[in-house]
Amino acid sequence: MTEAAVWLSAYVAVMSIALMGMMGADKRRARLGRRRISERRLLLWALLGGAAGGWIGMRLFRHKTKHRMFAVGLPVMTVLHAVLLAAAFRMAG
């Protein structure tokens, strides 16, 4: 395993944890009637590597589950990220 593959895995893990937290924060803001995190920002973080955490957060907090872009997009992005990570590890070793 190369150092690059380790860093890529760490990056995806950090982005996933961050997006899961953002999903929880947005749900909390929605309940309190406060200013929300935009869907565009949530989806951007998912695209940039946090899809798995966003998907977990969506289920955990029951947030954005009826929005097709999230309900379909997060699982698809998660699979794509997993394929890219697997390819990075295969190339590494």
C-alpha atoms as a PDB file:
ATOM      1  CA  MET A   1       0.000   0.000   0.000  1.00  0.00           C
ATOM      2  CA  THR A   2       1.434   3.336  -0.988  1.00  0.00           C
ATOM      3  CA  GLU A   3       1.385   6.509   0.987  1.00  0.00           C
ATOM      4  CA  ALA A   4      -0.917   8.083  -1.619  1.00  0.00           C
ATOM      5  CA  ALA A   5      -3.549   5.355  -1.123  1.00  0.00           C
ATOM      6  CA  VAL A   6      -3.406   5.867   2.635  1.00  0.00           C
ATOM      7  CA  TRP A   7      -3.827   9.621   2.252  1.00  0.00           C
ATOM      8  CA  LEU A   8      -6.718   9.160  -0.167  1.00  0.00           C
ATOM      9  CA  SER A   9      -8.456   6.832   2.288  1.00  0.00           C
ATOM     10  CA  ALA A  10      -7.929   9.296   5.131  1.00  0.00           C
ATOM     11  CA  TYR A  11      -9.286  12.126   2.975  1.00  0.00           C
ATOM     12  CA  VAL A  12     -12.457  10.179   2.136  1.00  0.00           C
ATOM     13  CA  ALA A  13     -12.918   9.244   5.805  1.00  0.00           C
ATOM     14  CA  VAL A  14     -12.547  12.864   6.965  1.00  0.00           C
ATOM     15  CA  MET A  15     -14.908  14.149   4.265  1.00  0.00           C
ATOM     16  CA  SER A  16     -17.457  11.459   5.172  1.00  0.00           C
ATOM     17  CA  ILE A  17     -17.340  12.274   8.878  1.00  0.00           C
ATOM     18  CA  ALA A  18     -17.647  15.980   8.092  1.00  0.00           C
ATOM     19  CA  LEU A  19     -20.645  15.500   5.812  1.00  0.00           C
ATOM     20  CA  MET A  20     -22.363  13.203   8.296  1.00  0.00           C
ATOM     21  CA  GLY A  21     -21.970  15.969  10.878  1.00  0.00           C
ATOM     22  CA  MET A  22     -23.273  18.551   8.412  1.00  0.00           C
ATOM     23  CA  MET A  23     -26.370  16.425   7.780  1.00  0.00           C
ATOM     24  CA  GLY A  24     -27.030  16.270  11.523  1.00  0.00           C
ATOM     25  CA  ALA A  25     -26.432  19.993  11.915  1.00  0.00           C
ATOM     26  CA  ASP A  26     -28.767  20.810   9.029  1.00  0.00           C
ATOM     27  CA  LYS A  27     -31.497  18.617  10.490  1.00  0.00           C
ATOM     28  CA  ARG A  28     -31.077  20.355  13.850  1.00  0.00           C
ATOM     29  CA  ARG A  29     -31.222  23.772  12.173  1.00  0.00           C
ATOM     30  CA  ALA A  30     -34.388  22.741  10.330  1.00  0.00           C
ATOM     31  CA  ARG A  31     -36.082  21.738  13.574  1.00  0.00           C
ATOM     32  CA  LEU A  32     -35.083  25.016  15.237  1.00  0.00           C
ATOM     33  CA  GLY A  33     -36.131  27.145  12.282  1.00  0.00           C
ATOM     34  CA  ARG A  34     -32.592  28.455  11.775  1.00  0.00           C
ATOM     35  CA  ARG A  35     -30.650  29.172   8.627  1.00  0.00           C
ATOM     36  CA  ARG A  36     -29.946  25.933   6.752  1.00  0.00           C
ATOM     37  CA  ILE A  37     -26.987  24.444   4.937  1.00  0.00           C
ATOM     38  CA  SER A  38     -27.750  24.619   1.224  1.00  0.00           C
ATOM     39  CA  GLU A  39     -28.449  21.426  -0.684  1.00  0.00           C
ATOM     40  CA  ARG A  40     -25.841  22.527  -3.176  1.00  0.00           C
ATOM     41  CA  ARG A  41     -23.172  22.644  -0.460  1.00  0.00           C
ATOM     42  CA  LEU A  42     -24.184  19.240   0.929  1.00  0.00           C
ATOM     43  CA  LEU A  43     -24.045  17.675  -2.526  1.00  0.00           C
ATOM     44  CA  LEU A  44     -20.703  19.325  -3.279  1.00  0.00           C
ATOM     45  CA  TRP A  45     -19.190  17.840  -0.104  1.00  0.00           C
ATOM     46  CA  ALA A  46     -20.642  14.465  -1.115  1.00  0.00           C
ATOM     47  CA  LEU A  47     -19.125  14.713  -4.578  1.00  0.00           C
ATOM     48  CA  LEU A  48     -15.756  15.729  -3.150  1.00  0.00           C
ATOM     49  CA  GLY A  49     -15.506  12.516  -1.141  1.00  0.00           C
ATOM     50  CA  GLY A  50     -18.062  12.563   1.649  1.00  0.00           C
ATOM     51  CA  ALA A  51     -20.869  10.610   0.009  1.00  0.00           C
ATOM     52  CA  ALA A  52     -20.657   7.613   2.340  1.00  0.00           C
ATOM     53  CA  GLY A  53     -20.936   9.817   5.414  1.00  0.00           C
ATOM     54  CA  GLY A  54     -23.740  11.797   3.810  1.00  0.00           C
ATOM     55  CA  TRP A  55     -25.616   8.585   3.085  1.00  0.00           C
ATOM     56  CA  ILE A  56     -25.145   7.386   6.666  1.00  0.00           C
ATOM     57  CA  GLY A  57     -26.174  10.810   7.994  1.00  0.00           C
ATOM     58  CA  MET A  58     -29.237  10.858   5.757  1.00  0.00           C
ATOM     59  CA  ARG A  59     -30.379   7.555   7.259  1.00  0.00           C
ATOM     60  CA  LEU A  60     -29.242   8.252  10.813  1.00  0.00           C
ATOM     61  CA  PHE A  61     -30.904  11.664  11.082  1.00  0.00           C
ATOM     62  CA  ARG A  62     -33.772  10.882   8.668  1.00  0.00           C
ATOM     63  CA  HIS A  63     -32.804  13.942   6.701  1.00  0.00           C
ATOM     64  CA  LYS A  64     -33.268  14.565   2.968  1.00  0.00           C
ATOM     65  CA  THR A  65     -34.604  11.024   2.515  1.00  0.00           C
ATOM     66  CA  LYS A  66     -37.431  12.174   0.230  1.00  0.00           C
ATOM     67  CA  HIS A  67     -35.175  14.256  -1.999  1.00  0.00           C
ATOM     68  CA  ARG A  68     -34.373  12.153  -5.053  1.00  0.00           C
ATOM     69  CA  MET A  69     -30.991  13.824  -5.562  1.00  0.00           C
ATOM     70  CA  PHE A  70     -29.937  12.664  -2.103  1.00  0.00           C
ATOM     71  CA  ALA A  71     -31.793   9.332  -1.956  1.00  0.00           C
ATOM     72  CA  VAL A  72     -30.306   8.206  -5.275  1.00  0.00           C
ATOM     73  CA  GLY A  73     -27.261  10.453  -5.631  1.00  0.00           C
ATOM     74  CA  LEU A  74     -25.531   9.636  -2.345  1.00  0.00           C
ATOM     75  CA  PRO A  75     -25.595   5.851  -2.829  1.00  0.00           C
ATOM     76  CA  VAL A  76     -24.390   6.205  -6.433  1.00  0.00           C
ATOM     77  CA  MET A  77     -21.569   8.545  -5.409  1.00  0.00           C
ATOM     78  CA  THR A  78     -20.629   6.177  -2.572  1.00  0.00           C
ATOM     79  CA  VAL A  79     -20.269   3.288  -5.009  1.00  0.00           C
ATOM     80  CA  LEU A  80     -18.208   5.442  -7.377  1.00  0.00           C
ATOM     81  CA  HIS A  81     -15.925   6.525  -4.539  1.00  0.00           C
ATOM     82  CA  ALA A  82     -15.512   2.904  -3.433  1.00  0.00           C
ATOM     83  CA  VAL A  83     -14.568   1.882  -6.981  1.00  0.00           C
ATOM     84  CA  LEU A  84     -12.031   4.719  -7.181  1.00  0.00           C
ATOM     85  CA  LEU A  85     -10.532   3.765  -3.807  1.00  0.00           C
ATOM     86  CA  ALA A  86     -10.315   0.112  -4.853  1.00  0.00           C
ATOM     87  CA  ALA A  87      -8.567   1.132  -8.065  1.00  0.00           C
ATOM     88  CA  ALA A  88      -6.119   3.305  -6.118  1.00  0.00           C
ATOM     89  CA  PHE A  89      -5.270   0.397  -3.834  1.00  0.00           C
ATOM     90  CA  ARG A  90      -4.922  -2.009  -6.753  1.00  0.00           C
ATOM     91  CA  MET A  91      -2.531   0.370  -8.492  1.00  0.00           C
ATOM     92  CA  ALA A  92      -0.615   0.802  -5.245  1.00  0.00           C
ATOM     93  CA  GLY A  93       0.187  -2.732  -4.661  1.00  0.00           C
END
